[in-house]
PDB file of N, CA and C in Angstrom:
ATOM      1  N   UNK A   1      14.994 -37.850 -17.949  1.00  0.00           N
ATOM      2  CA  UNK A   1      14.214 -37.410 -16.946  1.00  0.00           C
ATOM      3  C   UNK A   1      14.252 -36.069 -16.764  1.00  0.00           C
ATOM      4  N   UNK A   2      13.090 -35.348 -16.472  1.00  0.00           N
ATOM      5  CA  UNK A   2      13.482 -33.531 -16.620  1.00  0.00           C
ATOM      6  C   UNK A   2      13.298 -33.023 -15.002  1.00  0.00           C
ATOM      7  N   UNK A   3      14.043 -31.980 -14.937  1.00  0.00           N
ATOM      8  CA  UNK A   3      14.527 -31.492 -13.727  1.00  0.00           C
ATOM      9  C   UNK A   3      12.967 -30.826 -12.824  1.00  0.00           C
ATOM     10  N   UNK A   4      13.072 -30.633 -11.773  1.00  0.00           N
ATOM     11  CA  UNK A   4      11.685 -30.712 -11.160  1.00  0.00           C
ATOM     12  C   UNK A   4      11.221 -29.056 -11.400  1.00  0.00           C
ATOM     13  N   UNK A   5      10.467 -28.207 -11.558  1.00  0.00           N
ATOM     14  CA  UNK A   5      10.266 -27.146 -11.645  1.00  0.00           C
ATOM     15  C   UNK A   5      10.694 -25.871 -10.644  1.00  0.00           C
ATOM     16  N   UNK A   6      11.502 -24.922 -11.328  1.00  0.00           N
ATOM     17  CA  UNK A   6      12.128 -23.827 -10.284  1.00  0.00           C
ATOM     18  C   UNK A   6      11.034 -22.980  -9.742  1.00  0.00           C
ATOM     19  N   UNK A   7      11.150 -22.474  -8.778  1.00  0.00           N
ATOM     20  CA  UNK A   7      10.229 -21.665  -8.023  1.00  0.00           C
ATOM     21  C   UNK A   7      10.904 -20.192  -8.126  1.00  0.00           C
ATOM     22  N   UNK A   8      10.471 -19.261  -8.834  1.00  0.00           N
ATOM     23  CA  UNK A   8      11.099 -17.972  -9.078  1.00  0.00           C
ATOM     24  C   UNK A   8      10.329 -16.841  -8.604  1.00  0.00           C
ATOM     25  N   UNK A   9      10.779 -15.771  -8.289  1.00  0.00           N
ATOM     26  CA  UNK A   9      10.226 -14.423  -8.141  1.00  0.00           C
ATOM     27  C   UNK A   9       9.595 -14.223  -9.115  1.00  0.00           C
ATOM     28  N   UNK A  10       8.353 -13.152  -9.009  1.00  0.00           N
ATOM     29  CA  UNK A  10       7.582 -12.673 -10.124  1.00  0.00           C
ATOM     30  C   UNK A  10       8.687 -11.583 -10.848  1.00  0.00           C
ATOM     31  N   UNK A  11       8.945 -11.633 -12.169  1.00  0.00           N
ATOM     32  CA  UNK A  11       9.156 -10.694 -13.251  1.00  0.00           C
ATOM     33  C   UNK A  11       8.195  -9.914 -13.646  1.00  0.00           C
ATOM     34  N   UNK A  12       9.100  -8.651 -14.042  1.00  0.00           N
ATOM     35  CA  UNK A  12       7.995  -7.668 -14.627  1.00  0.00           C
ATOM     36  C   UNK A  12       8.207  -7.901 -16.048  1.00  0.00           C
ATOM     37  N   UNK A  13       7.222  -7.365 -16.721  1.00  0.00           N
ATOM     38  CA  UNK A  13       7.119  -7.891 -18.440  1.00  0.00           C
ATOM     39  C   UNK A  13       8.302  -6.951 -18.850  1.00  0.00           C
ATOM     40  N   UNK A  14       8.591  -6.920 -20.066  1.00  0.00           N
ATOM     41  CA  UNK A  14       9.856  -6.354 -20.734  1.00  0.00           C
ATOM     42  C   UNK A  14       9.726  -5.006 -20.788  1.00  0.00           C
ATOM     43  N   UNK A  15      10.413  -4.090 -20.099  1.00  0.00           N
ATOM     44  CA  UNK A  15       9.741  -3.022 -20.258  1.00  0.00           C
ATOM     45  C   UNK A  15       8.999  -2.080 -19.260  1.00  0.00           C
ATOM     46  N   UNK A  16       8.722  -3.272 -18.325  1.00  0.00           N
ATOM     47  CA  UNK A  16       7.494  -2.810 -17.585  1.00  0.00           C
ATOM     48  C   UNK A  16       8.169  -2.581 -15.959  1.00  0.00           C
ATOM     49  N   UNK A  17       7.364  -1.710 -14.960  1.00  0.00           N
ATOM     50  CA  UNK A  17       8.482  -1.920 -13.717  1.00  0.00           C
ATOM     51  C   UNK A  17       8.573  -3.053 -12.871  1.00  0.00           C
ATOM     52  N   UNK A  18       9.267  -3.486 -12.267  1.00  0.00           N
ATOM     53  CA  UNK A  18       9.203  -4.568 -11.296  1.00  0.00           C
ATOM     54  C   UNK A  18       7.926  -4.721 -10.918  1.00  0.00           C
ATOM     55  N   UNK A  19       7.419  -6.312 -10.468  1.00  0.00           N
ATOM     56  CA  UNK A  19       6.277  -6.207  -9.571  1.00  0.00           C
ATOM     57  C   UNK A  19       5.972  -5.286  -8.558  1.00  0.00           C
ATOM     58  N   UNK A  20       6.609  -5.258  -7.614  1.00  0.00           N
ATOM     59  CA  UNK A  20       6.087  -4.506  -6.252  1.00  0.00           C
ATOM     60  C   UNK A  20       5.797  -3.050  -6.823  1.00  0.00           C
ATOM     61  N   UNK A  21       6.448  -2.381  -7.756  1.00  0.00           N
ATOM     62  CA  UNK A  21       6.662  -0.894  -8.169  1.00  0.00           C
ATOM     63  C   UNK A  21       4.898  -0.892  -8.932  1.00  0.00           C
ATOM     64  N   UNK A  22       4.766  -1.803  -9.995  1.00  0.00           N
ATOM     65  CA  UNK A  22       3.854  -1.838 -10.671  1.00  0.00           C
ATOM     66  C   UNK A  22       2.565  -2.213  -9.652  1.00  0.00           C
ATOM     67  N   UNK A  23       2.585  -3.043  -8.894  1.00  0.00           N
ATOM     68  CA  UNK A  23       1.248  -3.085  -7.969  1.00  0.00           C
ATOM     69  C   UNK A  23       0.932  -1.802  -6.762  1.00  0.00           C
ATOM     70  N   UNK A  24       2.277  -1.426  -6.573  1.00  0.00           N
ATOM     71  CA  UNK A  24       1.670   0.057  -5.979  1.00  0.00           C
ATOM     72  C   UNK A  24       1.233   0.931  -6.840  1.00  0.00           C
ATOM     73  N   UNK A  25       1.954   1.167  -8.083  1.00  0.00           N
ATOM     74  CA  UNK A  25       1.161   2.160  -8.822  1.00  0.00           C
ATOM     75  C   UNK A  25      -0.314   1.746  -9.087  1.00  0.00           C
ATOM     76  N   UNK A  26      -0.764   0.473  -9.185  1.00  0.00           N
ATOM     77  CA  UNK A  26      -2.126   0.132  -9.422  1.00  0.00           C
ATOM     78  C   UNK A  26      -2.734   0.736  -8.111  1.00  0.00           C
ATOM     79  N   UNK A  27      -2.247   0.502  -6.992  1.00  0.00           N
ATOM     80  CA  UNK A  27      -2.818   0.874  -5.611  1.00  0.00           C
ATOM     81  C   UNK A  27      -3.128   2.489  -5.512  1.00  0.00           C
ATOM     82  N   UNK A  28      -2.122   2.853  -6.080  1.00  0.00           N
ATOM     83  CA  UNK A  28      -1.979   4.301  -6.053  1.00  0.00           C
ATOM     84  C   UNK A  28      -3.412   5.002  -6.818  1.00  0.00           C
ATOM     85  N   UNK A  29      -3.343   4.302  -8.267  1.00  0.00           N
ATOM     86  CA  UNK A  29      -4.373   4.335  -8.965  1.00  0.00           C
ATOM     87  C   UNK A  29      -5.765   4.505  -8.591  1.00  0.00           C
ATOM     88  N   UNK A  30      -5.847   3.266  -7.791  1.00  0.00           N
ATOM     89  CA  UNK A  30      -7.414   2.781  -7.119  1.00  0.00           C
ATOM     90  C   UNK A  30      -7.620   3.939  -6.176  1.00  0.00           C
ATOM     91  N   UNK A  31      -6.509   4.210  -5.205  1.00  0.00           N
ATOM     92  CA  UNK A  31      -6.642   5.067  -4.413  1.00  0.00           C
ATOM     93  C   UNK A  31      -7.238   6.559  -4.980  1.00  0.00           C
ATOM     94  N   UNK A  32      -6.721   7.115  -5.966  1.00  0.00           N
ATOM     95  CA  UNK A  32      -7.101   7.965  -6.589  1.00  0.00           C
ATOM     96  C   UNK A  32      -8.653   8.061  -6.850  1.00  0.00           C
ATOM     97  N   UNK A  33      -9.042   7.128  -7.333  1.00  0.00           N
ATOM     98  CA  UNK A  33     -10.395   6.817  -7.647  1.00  0.00           C
ATOM     99  C   UNK A  33     -11.259   7.272  -6.522  1.00  0.00           C
ATOM    100  N   UNK A  34     -10.882   7.037  -5.067  1.00  0.00           N
ATOM    101  CA  UNK A  34     -11.577   7.447  -3.838  1.00  0.00           C
ATOM    102  C   UNK A  34     -11.176   8.882  -3.576  1.00  0.00           C
ATOM    103  N   UNK A  35     -10.525   9.795  -4.291  1.00  0.00           N
ATOM    104  CA  UNK A  35     -10.075  10.855  -3.839  1.00  0.00           C
ATOM    105  C   UNK A  35      -9.203  11.115  -3.021  1.00  0.00           C
ATOM    106  N   UNK A  36      -7.807  10.047  -3.010  1.00  0.00           N
ATOM    107  CA  UNK A  36      -7.266   9.797  -1.796  1.00  0.00           C
ATOM    108  C   UNK A  36      -5.275  10.230  -2.856  1.00  0.00           C
ATOM    109  N   UNK A  37      -4.749  11.161  -2.850  1.00  0.00           N
ATOM    110  CA  UNK A  37      -3.690  11.171  -3.383  1.00  0.00           C
ATOM    111  C   UNK A  37      -2.683  10.344  -2.439  1.00  0.00           C
ATOM    112  N   UNK A  38      -1.823   9.711  -3.389  1.00  0.00           N
ATOM    113  CA  UNK A  38      -0.628   9.156  -2.535  1.00  0.00           C
ATOM    114  C   UNK A  38       0.641   9.149  -3.570  1.00  0.00           C
ATOM    115  N   UNK A  39       1.375   9.002  -2.636  1.00  0.00           N
ATOM    116  CA  UNK A  39       3.197   8.852  -3.745  1.00  0.00           C
ATOM    117  C   UNK A  39       3.883   7.453  -3.317  1.00  0.00           C
ATOM    118  N   UNK A  40       4.096   7.194  -4.453  1.00  0.00           N
ATOM    119  CA  UNK A  40       5.157   5.670  -4.390  1.00  0.00           C
ATOM    120  C   UNK A  40       6.321   5.875  -4.711  1.00  0.00           C
ATOM    121  N   UNK A  41       7.214   4.821  -3.822  1.00  0.00           N
ATOM    122  CA  UNK A  41       8.515   4.740  -3.696  1.00  0.00           C
ATOM    123  C   UNK A  41       9.012   3.601  -3.911  1.00  0.00           C
ATOM    124  N   UNK A  42      10.041   3.577  -4.048  1.00  0.00           N
ATOM    125  CA  UNK A  42      10.441   2.070  -4.877  1.00  0.00           C
ATOM    126  C   UNK A  42      12.079   1.844  -4.314  1.00  0.00           C
ATOM    127  N   UNK A  43      12.318   0.584  -4.046  1.00  0.00           N
ATOM    128  CA  UNK A  43      13.765   0.276  -3.385  1.00  0.00           C
ATOM    129  C   UNK A  43      13.763  -0.845  -2.779  1.00  0.00           C
ATOM    130  N   UNK A  44      14.844  -1.721  -2.832  1.00  0.00           N
ATOM    131  CA  UNK A  44      15.175  -2.594  -2.087  1.00  0.00           C
ATOM    132  C   UNK A  44      14.296  -3.934  -2.119  1.00  0.00           C
ATOM    133  N   UNK A  45      13.754  -3.798  -3.273  1.00  0.00           N
ATOM    134  CA  UNK A  45      12.693  -5.205  -3.408  1.00  0.00           C
ATOM    135  C   UNK A  45      11.151  -4.998  -3.108  1.00  0.00           C
ATOM    136  N   UNK A  46      11.060  -3.622  -2.372  1.00  0.00           N
ATOM    137  CA  UNK A  46       9.087  -3.413  -2.051  1.00  0.00           C
ATOM    138  C   UNK A  46       9.406  -1.986  -2.325  1.00  0.00           C
ATOM    139  N   UNK A  47       8.137  -1.774  -2.303  1.00  0.00           N
ATOM    140  CA  UNK A  47       7.433  -0.418  -2.463  1.00  0.00           C
ATOM    141  C   UNK A  47       6.510   0.068  -1.824  1.00  0.00           C
ATOM    142  N   UNK A  48       6.474   1.282  -1.240  1.00  0.00           N
ATOM    143  CA  UNK A  48       5.842   2.020  -0.417  1.00  0.00           C
ATOM    144  C   UNK A  48       4.822   2.965  -1.062  1.00  0.00           C
ATOM    145  N   UNK A  49       3.954   3.166  -0.528  1.00  0.00           N
ATOM    146  CA  UNK A  49       2.621   4.108  -0.764  1.00  0.00           C
ATOM    147  C   UNK A  49       2.579   4.829   0.269  1.00  0.00           C
ATOM    148  N   UNK A  50       2.899   6.085   0.389  1.00  0.00           N
ATOM    149  CA  UNK A  50       2.666   7.136   1.456  1.00  0.00           C
ATOM    150  C   UNK A  50       1.213   7.631   1.246  1.00  0.00           C
ATOM    151  N   UNK A  51       0.235   7.423   1.980  1.00  0.00           N
ATOM    152  CA  UNK A  51      -0.837   7.822   1.975  1.00  0.00           C
ATOM    153  C   UNK A  51      -1.473   9.013   2.856  1.00  0.00           C
ATOM    154  N   UNK A  52      -1.046   8.837   4.049  1.00  0.00           N
ATOM    155  CA  UNK A  52      -1.335  10.104   4.895  1.00  0.00           C
ATOM    156  C   UNK A  52      -0.534   9.895   6.499  1.00  0.00           C
ATOM    157  N   UNK A  53      -0.344  10.923   7.447  1.00  0.00           N
ATOM    158  CA  UNK A  53       0.391  10.807   8.299  1.00  0.00           C
ATOM    159  C   UNK A  53      -0.013   9.317   9.146  1.00  0.00           C
ATOM    160  N   UNK A  54       0.719   8.399   9.382  1.00  0.00           N
ATOM    161  CA  UNK A  54       0.768   7.077  10.161  1.00  0.00           C
ATOM    162  C   UNK A  54       0.026   6.088   8.988  1.00  0.00           C
ATOM    163  N   UNK A  55      -0.096   6.530   7.679  1.00  0.00           N
ATOM    164  CA  UNK A  55      -1.014   5.248   6.881  1.00  0.00           C
ATOM    165  C   UNK A  55       0.302   5.457   5.885  1.00  0.00           C
ATOM    166  N   UNK A  56       1.448   4.078   5.692  1.00  0.00           N
ATOM    167  CA  UNK A  56       2.256   3.938   4.953  1.00  0.00           C
ATOM    168  C   UNK A  56       1.752   2.341   4.387  1.00  0.00           C
ATOM    169  N   UNK A  57       1.765   2.254   3.207  1.00  0.00           N
ATOM    170  CA  UNK A  57       1.320   0.953   2.698  1.00  0.00           C
ATOM    171  C   UNK A  57       2.737   0.273   2.012  1.00  0.00           C
ATOM    172  N   UNK A  58       3.299  -1.078   2.431  1.00  0.00           N
ATOM    173  CA  UNK A  58       3.942  -1.858   2.019  1.00  0.00           C
ATOM    174  C   UNK A  58       3.598  -2.648   1.050  1.00  0.00           C
ATOM    175  N   UNK A  59       4.304  -2.785  -0.224  1.00  0.00           N
ATOM    176  CA  UNK A  59       4.112  -4.158  -1.101  1.00  0.00           C
ATOM    177  C   UNK A  59       5.194  -4.967  -1.539  1.00  0.00           C
ATOM    178  N   UNK A  60       5.177  -5.938  -1.322  1.00  0.00           N
ATOM    179  CA  UNK A  60       6.431  -7.107  -1.849  1.00  0.00           C
ATOM    180  C   UNK A  60       6.318  -7.753  -3.254  1.00  0.00           C
ATOM    181  N   UNK A  61       5.182  -7.089  -3.866  1.00  0.00           N
ATOM    182  CA  UNK A  61       4.955  -7.989  -5.316  1.00  0.00           C
ATOM    183  C   UNK A  61       3.708  -9.375  -4.885  1.00  0.00           C
ATOM    184  N   UNK A  62       3.553  -9.206  -3.552  1.00  0.00           N
ATOM    185  CA  UNK A  62       2.371 -10.729  -3.283  1.00  0.00           C
ATOM    186  C   UNK A  62       1.146 -10.158  -2.533  1.00  0.00           C
ATOM    187  N   UNK A  63       1.682  -8.778  -1.514  1.00  0.00           N
ATOM    188  CA  UNK A  63       0.982  -8.254  -0.475  1.00  0.00           C
ATOM    189  C   UNK A  63       1.308  -7.126  -0.351  1.00  0.00           C
ATOM    190  N   UNK A  64       0.030  -6.595  -0.180  1.00  0.00           N
ATOM    191  CA  UNK A  64       0.020  -4.954   0.414  1.00  0.00           C
ATOM    192  C   UNK A  64      -0.414  -5.037   2.129  1.00  0.00           C
ATOM    193  N   UNK A  65       0.569  -4.537   2.661  1.00  0.00           N
ATOM    194  CA  UNK A  65       0.216  -4.167   4.426  1.00  0.00           C
ATOM    195  C   UNK A  65       0.528  -2.899   4.718  1.00  0.00           C
ATOM    196  N   UNK A  66      -0.313  -2.813   5.789  1.00  0.00           N
ATOM    197  CA  UNK A  66      -0.158  -1.443   6.618  1.00  0.00           C
ATOM    198  C   UNK A  66      -0.718  -1.581   7.847  1.00  0.00           C
ATOM    199  N   UNK A  67      -0.516  -0.233   8.464  1.00  0.00           N
ATOM    200  CA  UNK A  67      -0.491  -0.204  10.202  1.00  0.00           C
ATOM    201  C   UNK A  67      -2.233  -0.175  10.491  1.00  0.00           C
ATOM    202  N   UNK A  68      -2.835  -1.208  11.172  1.00  0.00           N
ATOM    203  CA  UNK A  68      -4.543  -0.889  11.171  1.00  0.00           C
ATOM    204  C   UNK A  68      -4.811  -0.472  12.445  1.00  0.00           C
ATOM    205  N   UNK A  69      -3.847  -0.525  13.301  1.00  0.00           N
ATOM    206  CA  UNK A  69      -3.932  -0.016  15.141  1.00  0.00           C
ATOM    207  C   UNK A  69      -2.835  -0.374  15.768  1.00  0.00           C
ATOM    208  N   UNK A  70      -3.272  -0.225  17.042  1.00  0.00           N
ATOM    209  CA  UNK A  70      -2.561  -0.564  18.299  1.00  0.00           C
ATOM    210  C   UNK A  70      -3.001  -1.265  19.267  1.00  0.00           C
ATOM    211  N   UNK A  71      -2.646  -2.641  19.495  1.00  0.00           N
ATOM    212  CA  UNK A  71      -3.117  -3.564  20.309  1.00  0.00           C
ATOM    213  C   UNK A  71      -2.359  -3.202  21.985  1.00  0.00           C
ATOM    214  N   UNK A  72      -3.407  -2.503  22.467  1.00  0.00           N
ATOM    215  CA  UNK A  72      -2.835  -1.779  24.022  1.00  0.00           C
ATOM    216  C   UNK A  72      -2.383  -3.007  24.835  1.00  0.00           C
ATOM    217  N   UNK A  73      -3.084  -4.403  24.924  1.00  0.00           N
ATOM    218  CA  UNK A  73      -3.142  -5.361  25.598  1.00  0.00           C
ATOM    219  C   UNK A  73      -1.767  -6.227  25.580  1.00  0.00           C
ATOM    220  N   UNK A  74      -1.236  -6.293  24.440  1.00  0.00           N
ATOM    221  CA  UNK A  74      -0.360  -6.909  23.958  1.00  0.00           C
ATOM    222  C   UNK A  74       1.221  -5.781  23.822  1.00  0.00           C
ATOM    223  N   UNK A  75       0.665  -4.389  23.537  1.00  0.00           N
ATOM    224  CA  UNK A  75       1.374  -3.586  23.355  1.00  0.00           C
ATOM    225  C   UNK A  75       2.315  -3.643  21.940  1.00  0.00           C
ATOM    226  N   UNK A  76       1.763  -4.005  21.132  1.00  0.00           N
ATOM    227  CA  UNK A  76       2.194  -3.621  19.697  1.00  0.00           C
ATOM    228  C   UNK A  76       1.366  -3.116  18.802  1.00  0.00           C
ATOM    229  N   UNK A  77       1.901  -3.276  17.308  1.00  0.00           N
ATOM    230  CA  UNK A  77       1.225  -2.649  16.377  1.00  0.00           C
ATOM    231  C   UNK A  77       0.375  -3.767  15.813  1.00  0.00           C
ATOM    232  N   UNK A  78      -0.713  -3.543  15.277  1.00  0.00           N
ATOM    233  CA  UNK A  78      -1.703  -4.598  14.769  1.00  0.00           C
ATOM    234  C   UNK A  78      -1.522  -4.113  12.931  1.00  0.00           C
ATOM    235  N   UNK A  79      -1.201  -4.971  11.968  1.00  0.00           N
ATOM    236  CA  UNK A  79      -1.106  -4.713  10.581  1.00  0.00           C
ATOM    237  C   UNK A  79      -2.420  -5.621  10.047  1.00  0.00           C
ATOM    238  N   UNK A  80      -2.917  -4.738   8.880  1.00  0.00           N
ATOM    239  CA  UNK A  80      -3.806  -5.620   7.935  1.00  0.00           C
ATOM    240  C   UNK A  80      -2.635  -5.874   6.498  1.00  0.00           C
ATOM    241  N   UNK A  81      -3.537  -6.657   5.901  1.00  0.00           N
ATOM    242  CA  UNK A  81      -2.896  -6.933   4.746  1.00  0.00           C
ATOM    243  C   UNK A  81      -3.878  -7.285   3.762  1.00  0.00           C
ATOM    244  N   UNK A  82      -3.562  -7.289   2.268  1.00  0.00           N
ATOM    245  CA  UNK A  82      -4.409  -7.280   1.457  1.00  0.00           C
ATOM    246  C   UNK A  82      -3.727  -8.138   0.160  1.00  0.00           C
ATOM    247  N   UNK A  83      -3.993  -9.106  -0.674  1.00  0.00           N
ATOM    248  CA  UNK A  83      -3.317  -9.714  -1.757  1.00  0.00           C
ATOM    249  C   UNK A  83      -3.096  -8.603  -2.804  1.00  0.00           C
ATOM    250  N   UNK A  84      -1.900  -8.533  -3.113  1.00  0.00           N
ATOM    251  CA  UNK A  84      -1.318  -7.426  -4.431  1.00  0.00           C
ATOM    252  C   UNK A  84      -2.276  -7.464  -5.723  1.00  0.00           C
ATOM    253  N   UNK A  85      -2.838  -8.751  -5.886  1.00  0.00           N
ATOM    254  CA  UNK A  85      -3.584  -9.047  -7.156  1.00  0.00           C
ATOM    255  C   UNK A  85      -4.955  -8.292  -7.154  1.00  0.00           C
ATOM    256  N   UNK A  86      -5.257  -7.753  -5.958  1.00  0.00           N
ATOM    257  CA  UNK A  86      -6.575  -6.966  -5.842  1.00  0.00           C
ATOM    258  C   UNK A  86      -6.186  -5.956  -5.183  1.00  0.00           C
ATOM    259  N   UNK A  87      -5.718  -4.886  -6.349  1.00  0.00           N
ATOM    260  CA  UNK A  87      -5.341  -3.453  -5.778  1.00  0.00           C
ATOM    261  C   UNK A  87      -6.792  -2.323  -5.219  1.00  0.00           C
ATOM    262  N   UNK A  88      -7.865  -2.706  -6.234  1.00  0.00           N
ATOM    263  CA  UNK A  88      -8.941  -2.122  -5.795  1.00  0.00           C
ATOM    264  C   UNK A  88      -9.562  -2.296  -4.615  1.00  0.00           C
ATOM    265  N   UNK A  89      -9.590  -3.662  -4.621  1.00  0.00           N
ATOM    266  CA  UNK A  89     -10.164  -4.057  -3.141  1.00  0.00           C
ATOM    267  C   UNK A  89      -9.496  -3.466  -1.970  1.00  0.00           C
ATOM    268  N   UNK A  90      -8.250  -3.656  -2.163  1.00  0.00           N
ATOM    269  CA  UNK A  90      -7.110  -3.264  -1.274  1.00  0.00           C
ATOM    270  C   UNK A  90      -7.441  -1.547  -0.832  1.00  0.00           C
ATOM    271  N   UNK A  91      -7.501  -0.918  -2.009  1.00  0.00           N
ATOM    272  CA  UNK A  91      -7.639   0.769  -1.820  1.00  0.00           C
ATOM    273  C   UNK A  91      -8.933   0.893  -0.936  1.00  0.00           C
ATOM    274  N   UNK A  92      -9.735  -0.171  -1.470  1.00  0.00           N
ATOM    275  CA  UNK A  92     -11.226   0.404  -0.621  1.00  0.00           C
ATOM    276  C   UNK A  92     -11.260   0.135   1.292  1.00  0.00           C
ATOM    277  N   UNK A  93     -10.333  -0.748   1.447  1.00  0.00           N
ATOM    278  CA  UNK A  93      -9.928  -0.960   2.726  1.00  0.00           C
ATOM    279  C   UNK A  93      -8.964   0.213   3.358  1.00  0.00           C
ATOM    280  N   UNK A  94      -7.966   0.433   2.293  1.00  0.00           N
ATOM    281  CA  UNK A  94      -7.191   1.630   2.872  1.00  0.00           C
ATOM    282  C   UNK A  94      -7.719   2.715   2.925  1.00  0.00           C
ATOM    283  N   UNK A  95      -8.825   3.187   2.266  1.00  0.00           N
ATOM    284  CA  UNK A  95      -9.742   4.407   2.123  1.00  0.00           C
ATOM    285  C   UNK A  95     -10.502   4.268   3.668  1.00  0.00           C
ATOM    286  N   UNK A  96     -10.918   3.237   4.194  1.00  0.00           N
ATOM    287  CA  UNK A  96     -11.521   3.540   5.366  1.00  0.00           C
ATOM    288  C   UNK A  96     -10.761   3.601   6.453  1.00  0.00           C
ATOM    289  N   UNK A  97      -9.435   3.382   6.391  1.00  0.00           N
ATOM    290  CA  UNK A  97      -8.650   3.323   7.481  1.00  0.00           C
ATOM    291  C   UNK A  97      -7.997   5.037   7.454  1.00  0.00           C
ATOM    292  N   UNK A  98      -7.715   5.567   6.047  1.00  0.00           N
ATOM    293  CA  UNK A  98      -7.432   6.897   5.604  1.00  0.00           C
ATOM    294  C   UNK A  98      -8.648   7.620   6.284  1.00  0.00           C
ATOM    295  N   UNK A  99      -9.874   7.652   6.395  1.00  0.00           N
ATOM    296  CA  UNK A  99     -10.911   8.324   6.704  1.00  0.00           C
ATOM    297  C   UNK A  99     -10.867   8.075   8.071  1.00  0.00           C
ATOM    298  N   UNK A 100     -10.352   7.208   8.507  1.00  0.00           N
ATOM    299  CA  UNK A 100     -10.268   7.116  10.595  1.00  0.00           C
ATOM    300  C   UNK A 100      -9.118   7.838  10.939  1.00  0.00           C
ATOM    301  N   UNK A 101      -8.331   7.901  10.131  1.00  0.00           N
ATOM    302  CA  UNK A 101      -6.995   8.787  10.510  1.00  0.00           C
ATOM    303  C   UNK A 101      -7.260  10.280  10.129  1.00  0.00           C
ATOM    304  N   UNK A 102      -8.028  10.386   9.183  1.00  0.00           N
ATOM    305  CA  UNK A 102      -8.299  12.038   8.989  1.00  0.00           C
ATOM    306  C   UNK A 102      -8.991  12.485   9.992  1.00  0.00           C
ATOM    307  N   UNK A 103     -10.006  11.683  10.576  1.00  0.00           N
ATOM    308  CA  UNK A 103     -11.094  12.275  11.197  1.00  0.00           C
ATOM    309  C   UNK A 103     -10.182  12.305  12.722  1.00  0.00           C
ATOM    310  N   UNK A 104      -9.390  11.229  12.992  1.00  0.00           N
ATOM    311  CA  UNK A 104      -8.782  11.370  14.205  1.00  0.00           C
ATOM    312  C   UNK A 104      -7.730  12.445  14.421  1.00  0.00           C
ATOM    313  N   UNK A 105      -6.874  12.967  13.028  1.00  0.00           N
ATOM    314  CA  UNK A 105      -5.910  13.963  13.195  1.00  0.00           C
ATOM    315  C   UNK A 105      -6.033  14.693  12.179  1.00  0.00           C
ATOM    316  N   UNK A 106      -6.976  15.773  11.723  1.00  0.00           N
ATOM    317  CA  UNK A 106      -7.130  16.780  10.776  1.00  0.00           C
ATOM    318  C   UNK A 106      -6.411  17.346   9.993  1.00  0.00           C
ATOM    319  N   UNK A 107      -6.053  17.808   8.897  1.00  0.00           N
ATOM    320  CA  UNK A 107      -5.030  18.265   8.474  1.00  0.00           C
ATOM    321  C   UNK A 107      -4.844  19.947   8.741  1.00  0.00           C
ATOM    322  N   UNK A 108      -3.336  20.241   9.054  1.00  0.00           N
ATOM    323  CA  UNK A 108      -2.788  21.622   9.329  1.00  0.00           C
ATOM    324  C   UNK A 108      -3.685  22.597   8.617  1.00  0.00           C
ATOM    325  N   UNK A 109      -3.852  23.688   9.142  1.00  0.00           N
ATOM    326  CA  UNK A 109      -4.640  24.839   8.215  1.00  0.00           C
ATOM    327  C   UNK A 109      -3.628  25.372   7.013  1.00  0.00           C
ATOM    328  N   UNK A 110      -2.509  25.149   6.728  1.00  0.00           N
ATOM    329  CA  UNK A 110      -1.493  25.360   5.670  1.00  0.00           C
ATOM    330  C   UNK A 110      -1.900  23.873   4.581  1.00  0.00           C
ATOM    331  N   UNK A 111      -2.351  22.790   4.924  1.00  0.00           N
ATOM    332  CA  UNK A 111      -2.277  21.825   4.188  1.00  0.00           C
ATOM    333  C   UNK A 111      -3.716  21.960   3.917  1.00  0.00           C
ATOM    334  N   UNK A 112      -4.689  22.277   4.544  1.00  0.00           N
ATOM    335  CA  UNK A 112      -6.329  22.546   4.016  1.00  0.00           C
ATOM    336  C   UNK A 112      -6.007  23.763   2.879  1.00  0.00           C
ATOM    337  N   UNK A 113      -5.452  24.654   3.304  1.00  0.00           N
ATOM    338  CA  UNK A 113      -5.409  25.511   1.977  1.00  0.00           C
ATOM    339  C   UNK A 113      -4.976  24.977   0.537  1.00  0.00           C
ATOM    340  N   UNK A 114      -4.267  24.159   0.956  1.00  0.00           N
ATOM    341  CA  UNK A 114      -3.447  23.602  -0.274  1.00  0.00           C
ATOM    342  C   UNK A 114      -4.258  22.694  -1.147  1.00  0.00           C
ATOM    343  N   UNK A 115      -5.241  21.852  -0.107  1.00  0.00           N
ATOM    344  CA  UNK A 115      -5.782  20.965  -1.128  1.00  0.00           C
ATOM    345  C   UNK A 115      -6.966  21.665  -1.285  1.00  0.00           C
TER     346      UNK A 115
END
């Protein structure tokens, strides 16, 4: 009699980055196609994609999630998420959030000069 299948966490291909980091790098590349620069950071089984002030995207290898707003009635943060297997579609959604944040909080003069 065979043993039941074991459920395991996704693993990277030999020589490749761990799944959250690889997914985060693919998202950063997809964001770059929208003209959005992002920094990728890895640690403790999560990857972070720093996009803009108030816009950090987390990835656990299964999904991306980011702060999408504030629910004033419930007094809590509202998050959006997207499956990590679709970084291009996630980047499009994040680009809309990025545009909203940029309109609400334009960059400082020094940042504008550098860009």
